[in-house]
PDB file of N, CA and C in Angstrom:
ATOM      1  N   UNK A   1      58.721 116.210 114.663  1.00  0.00           N
ATOM      2  CA  UNK A   1      59.440 115.071 115.155  1.00  0.00           C
ATOM      3  C   UNK A   1      60.312 115.505 116.318  1.00  0.00           C
ATOM      4  N   UNK A   2      60.281 114.736 117.374  1.00  0.00           N
ATOM      5  CA  UNK A   2      61.135 115.012 118.517  1.00  0.00           C
ATOM      6  C   UNK A   2      62.569 114.648 118.186  1.00  0.00           C
ATOM      7  N   UNK A   3      63.507 115.367 118.753  1.00  0.00           N
ATOM      8  CA  UNK A   3      64.911 115.020 118.566  1.00  0.00           C
ATOM      9  C   UNK A   3      65.692 115.403 119.809  1.00  0.00           C
ATOM     10  N   UNK A   4      66.804 114.743 119.978  1.00  0.00           N
ATOM     11  CA  UNK A   4      67.714 115.077 121.072  1.00  0.00           C
ATOM     12  C   UNK A   4      68.514 116.309 120.668  1.00  0.00           C
ATOM     13  N   UNK A   5      69.300 116.802 121.585  1.00  0.00           N
ATOM     14  CA  UNK A   5      70.059 118.013 121.303  1.00  0.00           C
ATOM     15  C   UNK A   5      71.016 117.840 120.123  1.00  0.00           C
ATOM     16  N   UNK A   6      71.467 116.603 119.840  1.00  0.00           N
ATOM     17  CA  UNK A   6      72.370 116.391 118.709  1.00  0.00           C
ATOM     18  C   UNK A   6      71.604 116.089 117.421  1.00  0.00           C
ATOM     19  N   UNK A   7      70.265 116.327 117.425  1.00  0.00           N
ATOM     20  CA  UNK A   7      69.397 116.180 116.262  1.00  0.00           C
ATOM     21  C   UNK A   7      69.169 114.735 115.813  1.00  0.00           C
ATOM     22  N   UNK A   8      69.506 113.757 116.671  1.00  0.00           N
ATOM     23  CA  UNK A   8      69.190 112.368 116.372  1.00  0.00           C
ATOM     24  C   UNK A   8      67.721 112.137 116.693  1.00  0.00           C
ATOM     25  N   UNK A   9      66.924 111.634 115.736  1.00  0.00           N
ATOM     26  CA  UNK A   9      65.509 111.396 116.021  1.00  0.00           C
ATOM     27  C   UNK A   9      65.326 110.402 117.166  1.00  0.00           C
ATOM     28  N   UNK A  10      64.320 110.618 117.966  1.00  0.00           N
ATOM     29  CA  UNK A  10      63.981 109.695 119.042  1.00  0.00           C
ATOM     30  C   UNK A  10      63.204 108.542 118.433  1.00  0.00           C
ATOM     31  N   UNK A  11      63.566 107.314 118.782  1.00  0.00           N
ATOM     32  CA  UNK A  11      62.962 106.122 118.188  1.00  0.00           C
ATOM     33  C   UNK A  11      61.694 105.715 118.926  1.00  0.00           C
ATOM     34  N   UNK A  12      60.762 105.132 118.201  1.00  0.00           N
ATOM     35  CA  UNK A  12      59.551 104.535 118.759  1.00  0.00           C
ATOM     36  C   UNK A  12      59.378 103.210 118.039  1.00  0.00           C
ATOM     37  N   UNK A  13      60.037 102.185 118.560  1.00  0.00           N
ATOM     38  CA  UNK A  13      59.975 100.859 117.958  1.00  0.00           C
ATOM     39  C   UNK A  13      59.900  99.842 119.071  1.00  0.00           C
ATOM     40  N   UNK A  14      58.963  98.898 118.935  1.00  0.00           N
ATOM     41  CA  UNK A  14      58.789  97.858 119.936  1.00  0.00           C
ATOM     42  C   UNK A  14      58.858  96.504 119.260  1.00  0.00           C
ATOM     43  N   UNK A  15      59.713  95.630 119.779  1.00  0.00           N
ATOM     44  CA  UNK A  15      59.819  94.246 119.335  1.00  0.00           C
ATOM     45  C   UNK A  15      59.354  93.384 120.495  1.00  0.00           C
ATOM     46  N   UNK A  16      58.414  92.474 120.243  1.00  0.00           N
ATOM     47  CA  UNK A  16      57.834  91.689 121.333  1.00  0.00           C
ATOM     48  C   UNK A  16      57.436  90.316 120.822  1.00  0.00           C
ATOM     49  N   UNK A  17      57.872  89.280 121.531  1.00  0.00           N
ATOM     50  CA  UNK A  17      57.388  87.933 121.267  1.00  0.00           C
ATOM     51  C   UNK A  17      56.198  87.718 122.183  1.00  0.00           C
ATOM     52  N   UNK A  18      55.061  87.352 121.581  1.00  0.00           N
ATOM     53  CA  UNK A  18      53.827  87.246 122.361  1.00  0.00           C
ATOM     54  C   UNK A  18      52.881  86.248 121.715  1.00  0.00           C
ATOM     55  N   UNK A  19      51.915  85.790 122.510  1.00  0.00           N
ATOM     56  CA  UNK A  19      50.878  84.910 121.970  1.00  0.00           C
ATOM     57  C   UNK A  19      49.618  85.717 121.692  1.00  0.00           C
ATOM     58  N   UNK A  20      48.903  85.291 120.682  1.00  0.00           N
ATOM     59  CA  UNK A  20      47.633  85.919 120.312  1.00  0.00           C
ATOM     60  C   UNK A  20      46.564  85.333 121.236  1.00  0.00           C
ATOM     61  N   UNK A  21      45.923  86.173 122.046  1.00  0.00           N
ATOM     62  CA  UNK A  21      44.889  85.666 122.961  1.00  0.00           C
ATOM     63  C   UNK A  21      43.480  86.076 122.545  1.00  0.00           C
ATOM     64  N   UNK A  22      43.351  87.076 121.688  1.00  0.00           N
ATOM     65  CA  UNK A  22      42.030  87.482 121.184  1.00  0.00           C
ATOM     66  C   UNK A  22      42.203  88.229 119.873  1.00  0.00           C
ATOM     67  N   UNK A  23      41.309  87.922 118.932  1.00  0.00           N
ATOM     68  CA  UNK A  23      41.254  88.609 117.640  1.00  0.00           C
ATOM     69  C   UNK A  23      39.826  89.076 117.431  1.00  0.00           C
ATOM     70  N   UNK A  24      39.630  90.374 117.246  1.00  0.00           N
ATOM     71  CA  UNK A  24      38.302  90.862 116.871  1.00  0.00           C
ATOM     72  C   UNK A  24      38.052  90.501 115.412  1.00  0.00           C
ATOM     73  N   UNK A  25      36.826  90.692 114.959  1.00  0.00           N
ATOM     74  CA  UNK A  25      36.515  90.470 113.550  1.00  0.00           C
ATOM     75  C   UNK A  25      37.265  91.498 112.704  1.00  0.00           C
ATOM     76  N   UNK A  26      37.737  91.047 111.547  1.00  0.00           N
ATOM     77  CA  UNK A  26      38.390  91.955 110.610  1.00  0.00           C
ATOM     78  C   UNK A  26      37.376  93.012 110.183  1.00  0.00           C
ATOM     79  N   UNK A  27      37.787  94.275 110.259  1.00  0.00           N
ATOM     80  CA  UNK A  27      36.907  95.383 109.886  1.00  0.00           C
ATOM     81  C   UNK A  27      37.626  96.226 108.840  1.00  0.00           C
ATOM     82  N   UNK A  28      36.941  97.249 108.376  1.00  0.00           N
ATOM     83  CA  UNK A  28      37.535  98.136 107.365  1.00  0.00           C
ATOM     84  C   UNK A  28      37.368  99.580 107.802  1.00  0.00           C
ATOM     85  N   UNK A  29      38.410 100.374 107.607  1.00  0.00           N
ATOM     86  CA  UNK A  29      38.355 101.795 107.921  1.00  0.00           C
ATOM     87  C   UNK A  29      37.458 102.485 106.888  1.00  0.00           C
ATOM     88  N   UNK A  30      37.037 103.732 107.148  1.00  0.00           N
ATOM     89  CA  UNK A  30      36.247 104.456 106.140  1.00  0.00           C
ATOM     90  C   UNK A  30      36.947 104.552 104.780  1.00  0.00           C
ATOM     91  N   UNK A  31      38.266 104.480 104.785  1.00  0.00           N
ATOM     92  CA  UNK A  31      39.021 104.527 103.521  1.00  0.00           C
ATOM     93  C   UNK A  31      39.145 103.145 102.878  1.00  0.00           C
ATOM     94  N   UNK A  32      38.550 102.119 103.513  1.00  0.00           N
ATOM     95  CA  UNK A  32      38.576 100.774 102.951  1.00  0.00           C
ATOM     96  C   UNK A  32      39.787  99.940 103.327  1.00  0.00           C
ATOM     97  N   UNK A  33      40.571 100.395 104.290  1.00  0.00           N
ATOM     98  CA  UNK A  33      41.772  99.680 104.720  1.00  0.00           C
ATOM     99  C   UNK A  33      41.399  98.615 105.751  1.00  0.00           C
ATOM    100  N   UNK A  34      41.820  97.357 105.573  1.00  0.00           N
ATOM    101  CA  UNK A  34      41.549  96.329 106.578  1.00  0.00           C
ATOM    102  C   UNK A  34      42.173  96.720 107.921  1.00  0.00           C
ATOM    103  N   UNK A  35      41.452  96.461 109.008  1.00  0.00           N
ATOM    104  CA  UNK A  35      41.930  96.782 110.355  1.00  0.00           C
ATOM    105  C   UNK A  35      41.532  95.657 111.292  1.00  0.00           C
ATOM    106  N   UNK A  36      42.388  95.390 112.285  1.00  0.00           N
ATOM    107  CA  UNK A  36      42.139  94.289 113.214  1.00  0.00           C
ATOM    108  C   UNK A  36      42.620  94.665 114.606  1.00  0.00           C
ATOM    109  N   UNK A  37      41.730  94.571 115.589  1.00  0.00           N
ATOM    110  CA  UNK A  37      42.108  94.752 116.989  1.00  0.00           C
ATOM    111  C   UNK A  37      42.510  93.398 117.551  1.00  0.00           C
ATOM    112  N   UNK A  38      43.594  93.394 118.313  1.00  0.00           N
ATOM    113  CA  UNK A  38      44.197  92.160 118.803  1.00  0.00           C
ATOM    114  C   UNK A  38      44.572  92.332 120.276  1.00  0.00           C
ATOM    115  N   UNK A  39      44.532  91.240 121.036  1.00  0.00           N
ATOM    116  CA  UNK A  39      45.079  91.245 122.385  1.00  0.00           C
ATOM    117  C   UNK A  39      46.220  90.244 122.404  1.00  0.00           C
ATOM    118  N   UNK A  40      47.374  90.689 122.859  1.00  0.00           N
ATOM    119  CA  UNK A  40      48.569  89.864 122.939  1.00  0.00           C
ATOM    120  C   UNK A  40      48.970  89.675 124.396  1.00  0.00           C
ATOM    121  N   UNK A  41      49.611  88.544 124.691  1.00  0.00           N
ATOM    122  CA  UNK A  41      50.171  88.312 126.027  1.00  0.00           C
ATOM    123  C   UNK A  41      51.608  87.840 125.889  1.00  0.00           C
ATOM    124  N   UNK A  42      52.444  88.388 126.756  1.00  0.00           N
ATOM    125  CA  UNK A  42      53.864  88.056 126.789  1.00  0.00           C
ATOM    126  C   UNK A  42      54.202  87.523 128.177  1.00  0.00           C
ATOM    127  N   UNK A  43      55.073  86.521 128.209  1.00  0.00           N
ATOM    128  CA  UNK A  43      55.552  85.980 129.481  1.00  0.00           C
ATOM    129  C   UNK A  43      56.998  85.560 129.316  1.00  0.00           C
ATOM    130  N   UNK A  44      57.861  86.027 130.237  1.00  0.00           N
ATOM    131  CA  UNK A  44      59.273  85.675 130.166  1.00  0.00           C
ATOM    132  C   UNK A  44      59.926  85.890 131.525  1.00  0.00           C
ATOM    133  N   UNK A  45      61.193  85.539 131.589  1.00  0.00           N
ATOM    134  CA  UNK A  45      62.007  85.800 132.772  1.00  0.00           C
ATOM    135  C   UNK A  45      63.204  86.617 132.313  1.00  0.00           C
ATOM    136  N   UNK A  46      63.403  87.764 132.939  1.00  0.00           N
ATOM    137  CA  UNK A  46      64.479  88.679 132.560  1.00  0.00           C
ATOM    138  C   UNK A  46      65.280  89.073 133.789  1.00  0.00           C
ATOM    139  N   UNK A  47      66.486  89.561 133.549  1.00  0.00           N
ATOM    140  CA  UNK A  47      67.310  90.064 134.642  1.00  0.00           C
ATOM    141  C   UNK A  47      67.078  91.566 134.796  1.00  0.00           C
ATOM    142  N   UNK A  48      66.853  91.989 136.038  1.00  0.00           N
ATOM    143  CA  UNK A  48      66.691  93.402 136.345  1.00  0.00           C
ATOM    144  C   UNK A  48      67.391  93.681 137.658  1.00  0.00           C
ATOM    145  N   UNK A  49      68.325  94.605 137.643  1.00  0.00           N
ATOM    146  CA  UNK A  49      69.098  94.974 138.827  1.00  0.00           C
ATOM    147  C   UNK A  49      69.743  93.744 139.472  1.00  0.00           C
ATOM    148  N   UNK A  50      70.253  92.838 138.611  1.00  0.00           N
ATOM    149  CA  UNK A  50      70.947  91.660 139.100  1.00  0.00           C
ATOM    150  C   UNK A  50      70.044  90.550 139.623  1.00  0.00           C
ATOM    151  N   UNK A  51      68.753  90.695 139.480  1.00  0.00           N
ATOM    152  CA  UNK A  51      67.792  89.699 139.964  1.00  0.00           C
ATOM    153  C   UNK A  51      66.942  89.189 138.807  1.00  0.00           C
ATOM    154  N   UNK A  52      66.596  87.908 138.865  1.00  0.00           N
ATOM    155  CA  UNK A  52      65.678  87.357 137.868  1.00  0.00           C
ATOM    156  C   UNK A  52      64.281  87.893 138.167  1.00  0.00           C
ATOM    157  N   UNK A  53      63.585  88.300 137.145  1.00  0.00           N
ATOM    158  CA  UNK A  53      62.231  88.832 137.311  1.00  0.00           C
ATOM    159  C   UNK A  53      61.289  88.144 136.332  1.00  0.00           C
ATOM    160  N   UNK A  54      60.191  87.608 136.853  1.00  0.00           N
ATOM    161  CA  UNK A  54      59.152  87.040 135.996  1.00  0.00           C
ATOM    162  C   UNK A  54      58.340  88.198 135.437  1.00  0.00           C
ATOM    163  N   UNK A  55      58.193  88.218 134.119  1.00  0.00           N
ATOM    164  CA  UNK A  55      57.504  89.313 133.449  1.00  0.00           C
ATOM    165  C   UNK A  55      56.268  88.766 132.739  1.00  0.00           C
ATOM    166  N   UNK A  56      55.135  89.401 132.986  1.00  0.00           N
ATOM    167  CA  UNK A  56      53.901  89.090 132.273  1.00  0.00           C
ATOM    168  C   UNK A  56      53.290  90.404 131.832  1.00  0.00           C
ATOM    169  N   UNK A  57      52.793  90.434 130.603  1.00  0.00           N
ATOM    170  CA  UNK A  57      52.176  91.658 130.102  1.00  0.00           C
ATOM    171  C   UNK A  57      51.067  91.307 129.122  1.00  0.00           C
ATOM    172  N   UNK A  58      49.939  91.986 129.249  1.00  0.00           N
ATOM    173  CA  UNK A  58      48.846  91.909 128.285  1.00  0.00           C
ATOM    174  C   UNK A  58      48.857  93.222 127.521  1.00  0.00           C
ATOM    175  N   UNK A  59      48.784  93.148 126.200  1.00  0.00           N
ATOM    176  CA  UNK A  59      48.939  94.327 125.361  1.00  0.00           C
ATOM    177  C   UNK A  59      47.798  94.407 124.349  1.00  0.00           C
ATOM    178  N   UNK A  60      47.169  95.588 124.276  1.00  0.00           N
ATOM    179  CA  UNK A  60      46.199  95.843 123.206  1.00  0.00           C
ATOM    180  C   UNK A  60      46.975  96.262 121.979  1.00  0.00           C
ATOM    181  N   UNK A  61      46.603  95.691 120.835  1.00  0.00           N
ATOM    182  CA  UNK A  61      47.311  95.996 119.601  1.00  0.00           C
ATOM    183  C   UNK A  61      46.316  96.184 118.460  1.00  0.00           C
ATOM    184  N   UNK A  62      46.793  96.819 117.393  1.00  0.00           N
ATOM    185  CA  UNK A  62      45.990  97.016 116.181  1.00  0.00           C
ATOM    186  C   UNK A  62      46.901  96.804 114.980  1.00  0.00           C
ATOM    187  N   UNK A  63      46.330  96.212 113.939  1.00  0.00           N
ATOM    188  CA  UNK A  63      47.063  96.011 112.689  1.00  0.00           C
ATOM    189  C   UNK A  63      46.209  96.526 111.540  1.00  0.00           C
ATOM    190  N   UNK A  64      46.863  97.014 110.505  1.00  0.00           N
ATOM    191  CA  UNK A  64      46.179  97.539 109.335  1.00  0.00           C
ATOM    192  C   UNK A  64      46.732  96.884 108.071  1.00  0.00           C
ATOM    193  N   UNK A  65      45.947  96.932 106.996  1.00  0.00           N
ATOM    194  CA  UNK A  65      46.398  96.475 105.686  1.00  0.00           C
ATOM    195  C   UNK A  65      46.661  94.982 105.639  1.00  0.00           C
ATOM    196  N   UNK A  66      47.712  94.612 104.904  1.00  0.00           N
ATOM    197  CA  UNK A  66      48.018  93.196 104.718  1.00  0.00           C
ATOM    198  C   UNK A  66      48.418  92.520 106.023  1.00  0.00           C
ATOM    199  N   UNK A  67      48.998  93.267 106.956  1.00  0.00           N
ATOM    200  CA  UNK A  67      49.343  92.693 108.263  1.00  0.00           C
ATOM    201  C   UNK A  67      48.063  92.263 108.977  1.00  0.00           C
ATOM    202  N   UNK A  68      47.018  93.084 108.929  1.00  0.00           N
ATOM    203  CA  UNK A  68      45.733  92.736 109.543  1.00  0.00           C
ATOM    204  C   UNK A  68      45.138  91.494 108.881  1.00  0.00           C
ATOM    205  N   UNK A  69      45.200  91.438 107.559  1.00  0.00           N
ATOM    206  CA  UNK A  69      44.644  90.279 106.845  1.00  0.00           C
ATOM    207  C   UNK A  69      45.384  88.994 107.196  1.00  0.00           C
ATOM    208  N   UNK A  70      46.707  89.054 107.280  1.00  0.00           N
ATOM    209  CA  UNK A  70      47.504  87.871 107.652  1.00  0.00           C
ATOM    210  C   UNK A  70      47.228  87.452 109.086  1.00  0.00           C
ATOM    211  N   UNK A  71      47.189  88.429 109.978  1.00  0.00           N
ATOM    212  CA  UNK A  71      47.009  88.129 111.399  1.00  0.00           C
ATOM    213  C   UNK A  71      45.617  87.557 111.693  1.00  0.00           C
ATOM    214  N   UNK A  72      44.616  87.990 110.957  1.00  0.00           N
ATOM    215  CA  UNK A  72      43.248  87.508 111.156  1.00  0.00           C
ATOM    216  C   UNK A  72      43.136  86.002 110.912  1.00  0.00           C
ATOM    217  N   UNK A  73      44.069  85.426 110.163  1.00  0.00           N
ATOM    218  CA  UNK A  73      44.049  84.003 109.831  1.00  0.00           C
ATOM    219  C   UNK A  73      44.804  83.135 110.839  1.00  0.00           C
ATOM    220  N   UNK A  74      45.425  83.759 111.844  1.00  0.00           N
ATOM    221  CA  UNK A  74      46.249  83.006 112.789  1.00  0.00           C
ATOM    222  C   UNK A  74      45.407  82.446 113.942  1.00  0.00           C
ATOM    223  N   UNK A  75      45.901  81.368 114.512  1.00  0.00           N
ATOM    224  CA  UNK A  75      45.180  80.688 115.589  1.00  0.00           C
ATOM    225  C   UNK A  75      45.373  81.402 116.927  1.00  0.00           C
ATOM    226  N   UNK A  76      44.319  81.394 117.726  1.00  0.00           N
ATOM    227  CA  UNK A  76      44.432  81.874 119.103  1.00  0.00           C
ATOM    228  C   UNK A  76      45.446  80.970 119.808  1.00  0.00           C
ATOM    229  N   UNK A  77      46.342  81.569 120.561  1.00  0.00           N
ATOM    230  CA  UNK A  77      47.381  80.818 121.255  1.00  0.00           C
ATOM    231  C   UNK A  77      48.680  80.719 120.481  1.00  0.00           C
ATOM    232  N   UNK A  78      48.666  81.068 119.194  1.00  0.00           N
ATOM    233  CA  UNK A  78      49.903  81.013 118.419  1.00  0.00           C
ATOM    234  C   UNK A  78      50.857  82.112 118.885  1.00  0.00           C
ATOM    235  N   UNK A  79      52.150  81.816 118.807  1.00  0.00           N
ATOM    236  CA  UNK A  79      53.184  82.728 119.296  1.00  0.00           C
ATOM    237  C   UNK A  79      53.963  83.284 118.114  1.00  0.00           C
ATOM    238  N   UNK A  80      54.163  84.602 118.135  1.00  0.00           N
ATOM    239  CA  UNK A  80      54.833  85.295 117.037  1.00  0.00           C
ATOM    240  C   UNK A  80      55.799  86.346 117.591  1.00  0.00           C
ATOM    241  N   UNK A  81      56.735  86.748 116.751  1.00  0.00           N
ATOM    242  CA  UNK A  81      57.590  87.902 117.040  1.00  0.00           C
ATOM    243  C   UNK A  81      56.982  89.088 116.299  1.00  0.00           C
ATOM    244  N   UNK A  82      56.535  90.087 117.050  1.00  0.00           N
ATOM    245  CA  UNK A  82      55.873  91.260 116.490  1.00  0.00           C
ATOM    246  C   UNK A  82      56.814  92.453 116.489  1.00  0.00           C
ATOM    247  N   UNK A  83      56.652  93.323 115.491  1.00  0.00           N
ATOM    248  CA  UNK A  83      57.378  94.590 115.478  1.00  0.00           C
ATOM    249  C   UNK A  83      56.385  95.696 115.141  1.00  0.00           C
ATOM    250  N   UNK A  84      56.625  96.862 115.707  1.00  0.00           N
ATOM    251  CA  UNK A  84      55.744  97.993 115.463  1.00  0.00           C
ATOM    252  C   UNK A  84      56.110  99.166 116.352  1.00  0.00           C
ATOM    253  N   UNK A  85      55.127 100.003 116.644  1.00  0.00           N
ATOM    254  CA  UNK A  85      55.346 101.188 117.465  1.00  0.00           C
ATOM    255  C   UNK A  85      54.159 101.367 118.403  1.00  0.00           C
ATOM    256  N   UNK A  86      54.319 102.208 119.409  1.00  0.00           N
ATOM    257  CA  UNK A  86      53.243 102.475 120.358  1.00  0.00           C
ATOM    258  C   UNK A  86      52.715 103.892 120.180  1.00  0.00           C
ATOM    259  N   UNK A  87      51.400 104.035 120.416  1.00  0.00           N
ATOM    260  CA  UNK A  87      50.743 105.343 120.311  1.00  0.00           C
ATOM    261  C   UNK A  87      49.509 105.325 121.194  1.00  0.00           C
ATOM    262  N   UNK A  88      49.096 106.491 121.631  1.00  0.00           N
ATOM    263  CA  UNK A  88      47.856 106.641 122.374  1.00  0.00           C
ATOM    264  C   UNK A  88      46.808 107.198 121.423  1.00  0.00           C
ATOM    265  N   UNK A  89      45.668 106.494 121.263  1.00  0.00           N
ATOM    266  CA  UNK A  89      44.635 107.009 120.359  1.00  0.00           C
ATOM    267  C   UNK A  89      44.044 108.330 120.857  1.00  0.00           C
ATOM    268  N   UNK A  90      43.413 109.067 119.955  1.00  0.00           N
ATOM    269  CA  UNK A  90      42.724 110.289 120.359  1.00  0.00           C
ATOM    270  C   UNK A  90      41.740 109.959 121.471  1.00  0.00           C
ATOM    271  N   UNK A  91      41.669 110.790 122.486  1.00  0.00           N
ATOM    272  CA  UNK A  91      40.810 110.585 123.646  1.00  0.00           C
ATOM    273  C   UNK A  91      41.102 109.280 124.375  1.00  0.00           C
ATOM    274  N   UNK A  92      42.270 108.687 124.136  1.00  0.00           N
ATOM    275  CA  UNK A  92      42.638 107.428 124.782  1.00  0.00           C
ATOM    276  C   UNK A  92      43.430 107.656 126.050  1.00  0.00           C
ATOM    277  N   UNK A  93      43.448 106.645 126.898  1.00  0.00           N
ATOM    278  CA  UNK A  93      44.206 106.708 128.150  1.00  0.00           C
ATOM    279  C   UNK A  93      45.333 105.687 128.183  1.00  0.00           C
ATOM    280  N   UNK A  94      45.304 104.726 127.256  1.00  0.00           N
ATOM    281  CA  UNK A  94      46.277 103.648 127.276  1.00  0.00           C
ATOM    282  C   UNK A  94      47.011 103.569 125.952  1.00  0.00           C
ATOM    283  N   UNK A  95      48.222 103.088 126.013  1.00  0.00           N
ATOM    284  CA  UNK A  95      49.044 102.908 124.830  1.00  0.00           C
ATOM    285  C   UNK A  95      48.515 101.714 124.030  1.00  0.00           C
ATOM    286  N   UNK A  96      48.522 101.833 122.714  1.00  0.00           N
ATOM    287  CA  UNK A  96      48.156 100.744 121.814  1.00  0.00           C
ATOM    288  C   UNK A  96      49.371 100.426 120.946  1.00  0.00           C
ATOM    289  N   UNK A  97      49.661  99.146 120.813  1.00  0.00           N
ATOM    290  CA  UNK A  97      50.783  98.655 120.015  1.00  0.00           C
ATOM    291  C   UNK A  97      50.310  98.531 118.566  1.00  0.00           C
ATOM    292  N   UNK A  98      50.875  99.324 117.668  1.00  0.00           N
ATOM    293  CA  UNK A  98      50.528  99.293 116.250  1.00  0.00           C
ATOM    294  C   UNK A  98      51.463  98.308 115.561  1.00  0.00           C
ATOM    295  N   UNK A  99      50.918  97.181 115.135  1.00  0.00           N
ATOM    296  CA  UNK A  99      51.715  96.119 114.553  1.00  0.00           C
ATOM    297  C   UNK A  99      52.055  96.424 113.092  1.00  0.00           C
ATOM    298  N   UNK A 100      53.329  96.369 112.762  1.00  0.00           N
ATOM    299  CA  UNK A 100      53.775  96.615 111.396  1.00  0.00           C
ATOM    300  C   UNK A 100      54.214  95.332 110.697  1.00  0.00           C
ATOM    301  N   UNK A 101      54.550  94.308 111.476  1.00  0.00           N
ATOM    302  CA  UNK A 101      54.949  93.032 110.901  1.00  0.00           C
ATOM    303  C   UNK A 101      54.972  91.987 112.002  1.00  0.00           C
ATOM    304  N   UNK A 102      54.943  90.713 111.583  1.00  0.00           N
ATOM    305  CA  UNK A 102      55.113  89.613 112.525  1.00  0.00           C
ATOM    306  C   UNK A 102      55.642  88.403 111.773  1.00  0.00           C
ATOM    307  N   UNK A 103      56.375  87.569 112.485  1.00  0.00           N
ATOM    308  CA  UNK A 103      56.917  86.348 111.887  1.00  0.00           C
ATOM    309  C   UNK A 103      57.075  85.277 112.953  1.00  0.00           C
TER     310      UNK A 103
END
């Protein structure tokens, strides 16, 4: 685990309000765990350096277990508040948002 000089762990947590724009078919890992690949889109206006900035982002995400099962039942276009962490898969070039919960 990475830590700062004062031994406080470095956090990896992402909170994002986004709409579901694509859901792959629910699949199962070799261990039998439900898994779901998802594409999310976020759009907002935020302040940066004293200026309003329009922000748009498309995010690849994955959910496992009961979160995957719940998310697979949601409508395309529905908007949720997601929480999770980011990681780069083995041999991957892009960050993937690992969803741990949504409401």
